[in-house]
Amino acid sequence: MTIRVSEAEKSVMDVLWQESPLSSTEVVEKLQSQDWSEKTVKTFLNRLVKKGVVTFQKDGRRYLYYPAIERDEFLADESEGFLDKVFKGNMKELLATFVQNKQLSKDELDYLKGLLAEQGNRKEQNDAE
């Protein structure tokens, strides 16, 4: 499932992932650093509802919005889209470019090594089955 969400829409999603359900007024308050009007936020919310990533429930005269997908699911989809778009699906090229062009701290390197070791162990277990 490929979901295309703009940076502005992602800001709205981030608010809802942190706390939900929220009314549009509450979302505006949480995004006050963006200086968006309530009309603008409602436009983003409506777009996100149409895309199927936000849903709502009626609460009296207002609508309460909440994410229809988990943040991890969204990030996985975004990452896959980026990999396909920029590196034509070549994970090796992505990792090499990332590691060669960014100074990684010891903690970041240790974390990556741990992830790779864990993935290698899973692969060995799957191959053995």
C-alpha atoms as a PDB file:
ATOM      1  CA  MET A   1       0.000   0.000   0.000  1.00  0.00           C
ATOM      2  CA  THR A   2       1.638   3.221  -1.157  1.00  0.00           C
ATOM      3  CA  ILE A   3       0.368   6.314   0.598  1.00  0.00           C
ATOM      4  CA  ARG A   4       1.521   9.721  -0.583  1.00  0.00           C
ATOM      5  CA  VAL A   5       1.371  12.293   2.190  1.00  0.00           C
ATOM      6  CA  SER A   6       2.798  15.808   1.950  1.00  0.00           C
ATOM      7  CA  GLU A   7       5.131  17.201   4.619  1.00  0.00           C
ATOM      8  CA  ALA A   8       2.317  19.422   5.909  1.00  0.00           C
ATOM      9  CA  GLU A   9      -0.073  16.474   6.112  1.00  0.00           C
ATOM     10  CA  LYS A  10       2.611  14.479   7.908  1.00  0.00           C
ATOM     11  CA  SER A  11       2.781  17.246  10.547  1.00  0.00           C
ATOM     12  CA  VAL A  12      -0.929  16.697  11.174  1.00  0.00           C
ATOM     13  CA  MET A  13      -0.378  12.926  11.325  1.00  0.00           C
ATOM     14  CA  ASP A  14       2.446  13.391  13.854  1.00  0.00           C
ATOM     15  CA  VAL A  15       0.071  15.290  16.137  1.00  0.00           C
ATOM     16  CA  LEU A  16      -2.550  12.547  15.886  1.00  0.00           C
ATOM     17  CA  TRP A  17       0.010   9.796  16.495  1.00  0.00           C
ATOM     18  CA  GLN A  18       1.073  11.577  19.677  1.00  0.00           C
ATOM     19  CA  GLU A  19      -2.459  12.033  20.972  1.00  0.00           C
ATOM     20  CA  SER A  20      -5.869  11.134  19.621  1.00  0.00           C
ATOM     21  CA  PRO A  21      -8.701  11.480  19.099  1.00  0.00           C
ATOM     22  CA  LEU A  22      -8.525  15.258  18.686  1.00  0.00           C
ATOM     23  CA  SER A  23     -10.880  17.870  17.270  1.00  0.00           C
ATOM     24  CA  SER A  24      -9.672  20.091  14.438  1.00  0.00           C
ATOM     25  CA  THR A  25      -9.411  22.963  16.941  1.00  0.00           C
ATOM     26  CA  GLU A  26      -7.155  20.856  19.171  1.00  0.00           C
ATOM     27  CA  VAL A  27      -4.997  19.911  16.183  1.00  0.00           C
ATOM     28  CA  VAL A  28      -4.670  23.623  15.311  1.00  0.00           C
ATOM     29  CA  GLU A  29      -3.582  24.369  18.888  1.00  0.00           C
ATOM     30  CA  LYS A  30      -0.926  21.647  18.775  1.00  0.00           C
ATOM     31  CA  LEU A  31       0.342  23.011  15.445  1.00  0.00           C
ATOM     32  CA  GLN A  32       0.447  26.659  16.505  1.00  0.00           C
ATOM     33  CA  SER A  33       4.149  26.857  15.589  1.00  0.00           C
ATOM     34  CA  GLN A  34       3.052  26.259  11.960  1.00  0.00           C
ATOM     35  CA  ASP A  35       0.751  29.307  12.115  1.00  0.00           C
ATOM     36  CA  TRP A  36      -1.961  27.542  10.108  1.00  0.00           C
ATOM     37  CA  SER A  37      -5.592  28.605  10.227  1.00  0.00           C
ATOM     38  CA  GLU A  38      -8.269  26.176  11.332  1.00  0.00           C
ATOM     39  CA  LYS A  39      -9.507  26.116   7.718  1.00  0.00           C
ATOM     40  CA  THR A  40      -6.055  24.976   6.523  1.00  0.00           C
ATOM     41  CA  VAL A  41      -5.873  22.231   9.149  1.00  0.00           C
ATOM     42  CA  LYS A  42      -9.403  21.068   8.244  1.00  0.00           C
ATOM     43  CA  THR A  43      -8.303  20.890   4.598  1.00  0.00           C
ATOM     44  CA  PHE A  44      -5.351  18.687   5.588  1.00  0.00           C
ATOM     45  CA  LEU A  45      -7.592  16.521   7.783  1.00  0.00           C
ATOM     46  CA  ASN A  46     -10.091  16.069   4.936  1.00  0.00           C
ATOM     47  CA  ARG A  47      -7.305  15.105   2.521  1.00  0.00           C
ATOM     48  CA  LEU A  48      -5.957  12.582   5.043  1.00  0.00           C
ATOM     49  CA  VAL A  49      -9.445  11.110   5.528  1.00  0.00           C
ATOM     50  CA  LYS A  50      -9.809  10.744   1.727  1.00  0.00           C
ATOM     51  CA  LYS A  51      -6.402   9.025   1.599  1.00  0.00           C
ATOM     52  CA  GLY A  52      -7.579   6.595   4.281  1.00  0.00           C
ATOM     53  CA  VAL A  53      -4.855   7.403   6.802  1.00  0.00           C
ATOM     54  CA  VAL A  54      -7.102   9.368   9.179  1.00  0.00           C
ATOM     55  CA  THR A  55     -10.589   8.549  10.325  1.00  0.00           C
ATOM     56  CA  PHE A  56     -13.097  10.375  12.503  1.00  0.00           C
ATOM     57  CA  GLN A  57     -16.100   9.995  14.729  1.00  0.00           C
ATOM     58  CA  LYS A  58     -18.848  12.500  15.378  1.00  0.00           C
ATOM     59  CA  ASP A  59     -18.968  13.809  18.944  1.00  0.00           C
ATOM     60  CA  GLY A  60     -21.961  16.119  19.302  1.00  0.00           C
ATOM     61  CA  ARG A  61     -21.343  19.035  16.960  1.00  0.00           C
ATOM     62  CA  ARG A  62     -17.669  18.331  16.407  1.00  0.00           C
ATOM     63  CA  TYR A  63     -15.592  15.643  14.756  1.00  0.00           C
ATOM     64  CA  LEU A  64     -12.799  13.809  16.537  1.00  0.00           C
ATOM     65  CA  TYR A  65      -9.929  12.644  14.336  1.00  0.00           C
ATOM     66  CA  TYR A  66      -7.513   9.777  14.858  1.00  0.00           C
ATOM     67  CA  PRO A  67      -4.982   7.898  12.713  1.00  0.00           C
ATOM     68  CA  ALA A  68      -6.258   4.948  10.711  1.00  0.00           C
ATOM     69  CA  ILE A  69      -2.736   3.509  10.400  1.00  0.00           C
ATOM     70  CA  GLU A  70       0.088   3.058  12.871  1.00  0.00           C
ATOM     71  CA  ARG A  71       3.133   5.299  12.603  1.00  0.00           C
ATOM     72  CA  ASP A  72       5.420   2.285  12.056  1.00  0.00           C
ATOM     73  CA  GLU A  73       3.274   1.098   9.139  1.00  0.00           C
ATOM     74  CA  PHE A  74       3.372   4.575   7.600  1.00  0.00           C
ATOM     75  CA  LEU A  75       7.160   4.888   8.009  1.00  0.00           C
ATOM     76  CA  ALA A  76       7.723   1.443   6.494  1.00  0.00           C
ATOM     77  CA  ASP A  77       5.637   2.412   3.476  1.00  0.00           C
ATOM     78  CA  GLU A  78       7.412   5.770   3.130  1.00  0.00           C
ATOM     79  CA  SER A  79      10.817   4.077   3.398  1.00  0.00           C
ATOM     80  CA  GLU A  80       9.912   1.536   0.732  1.00  0.00           C
ATOM     81  CA  GLY A  81       8.678   4.311  -1.556  1.00  0.00           C
ATOM     82  CA  PHE A  82      11.911   6.253  -1.033  1.00  0.00           C
ATOM     83  CA  LEU A  83      14.020   3.158  -1.704  1.00  0.00           C
ATOM     84  CA  ASP A  84      12.128   2.414  -4.918  1.00  0.00           C
ATOM     85  CA  LYS A  85      12.087   6.027  -6.124  1.00  0.00           C
ATOM     86  CA  VAL A  86      15.670   7.036  -5.350  1.00  0.00           C
ATOM     87  CA  PHE A  87      17.591   3.736  -5.457  1.00  0.00           C
ATOM     88  CA  LYS A  88      15.328   1.644  -7.719  1.00  0.00           C
ATOM     89  CA  GLY A  89      14.862  -0.820  -4.848  1.00  0.00           C
ATOM     90  CA  ASN A  90      18.602  -1.419  -4.369  1.00  0.00           C
ATOM     91  CA  MET A  91      19.028  -1.641  -0.578  1.00  0.00           C
ATOM     92  CA  LYS A  92      22.781  -2.253  -0.846  1.00  0.00           C
ATOM     93  CA  GLU A  93      23.255   1.025  -2.732  1.00  0.00           C
ATOM     94  CA  LEU A  94      21.106   2.923  -0.221  1.00  0.00           C
ATOM     95  CA  LEU A  95      23.082   1.617   2.753  1.00  0.00           C
ATOM     96  CA  ALA A  96      26.440   2.217   1.094  1.00  0.00           C
ATOM     97  CA  THR A  97      25.485   5.784   0.176  1.00  0.00           C
ATOM     98  CA  PHE A  98      24.171   6.456   3.669  1.00  0.00           C
ATOM     99  CA  VAL A  99      27.181   5.027   5.494  1.00  0.00           C
ATOM    100  CA  GLN A 100      29.757   6.621   3.179  1.00  0.00           C
ATOM    101  CA  ASN A 101      28.207  10.106   3.255  1.00  0.00           C
ATOM    102  CA  LYS A 102      27.306  10.458   6.923  1.00  0.00           C
ATOM    103  CA  GLN A 103      29.573  10.417   9.934  1.00  0.00           C
ATOM    104  CA  LEU A 104      27.997   7.836  12.211  1.00  0.00           C
ATOM    105  CA  SER A 105      28.555   7.884  15.944  1.00  0.00           C
ATOM    106  CA  LYS A 106      29.756   4.764  17.763  1.00  0.00           C
ATOM    107  CA  ASP A 107      26.220   4.304  19.170  1.00  0.00           C
ATOM    108  CA  GLU A 108      24.710   4.533  15.676  1.00  0.00           C
ATOM    109  CA  LEU A 109      27.244   2.046  14.301  1.00  0.00           C
ATOM    110  CA  ASP A 110      26.623  -0.357  17.193  1.00  0.00           C
ATOM    111  CA  TYR A 111      22.877  -0.071  16.639  1.00  0.00           C
ATOM    112  CA  LEU A 112      23.235  -0.812  12.907  1.00  0.00           C
ATOM    113  CA  LYS A 113      25.526  -3.762  13.616  1.00  0.00           C
ATOM    114  CA  GLY A 114      22.957  -5.139  16.051  1.00  0.00           C
ATOM    115  CA  LEU A 115      20.149  -4.789  13.508  1.00  0.00           C
ATOM    116  CA  LEU A 116      22.222  -6.507  10.828  1.00  0.00           C
ATOM    117  CA  ALA A 117      23.186  -9.343  13.175  1.00  0.00           C
ATOM    118  CA  GLU A 118      19.543  -9.805  14.178  1.00  0.00           C
ATOM    119  CA  GLN A 119      18.471  -9.852  10.515  1.00  0.00           C
ATOM    120  CA  GLY A 120      21.222 -12.373   9.725  1.00  0.00           C
ATOM    121  CA  ASN A 121      20.060 -14.653  12.553  1.00  0.00           C
ATOM    122  CA  ARG A 122      16.461 -14.491  11.280  1.00  0.00           C
ATOM    123  CA  LYS A 123      17.620 -15.288   7.747  1.00  0.00           C
ATOM    124  CA  GLU A 124      19.608 -18.321   8.980  1.00  0.00           C
ATOM    125  CA  GLN A 125      16.593 -19.584  10.944  1.00  0.00           C
ATOM    126  CA  ASN A 126      14.290 -19.183   7.936  1.00  0.00           C
ATOM    127  CA  ASP A 127      16.788 -20.928   5.657  1.00  0.00           C
ATOM    128  CA  ALA A 128      17.059 -23.832   8.111  1.00  0.00           C
ATOM    129  CA  GLU A 129      13.274 -24.401   8.143  1.00  0.00           C
END
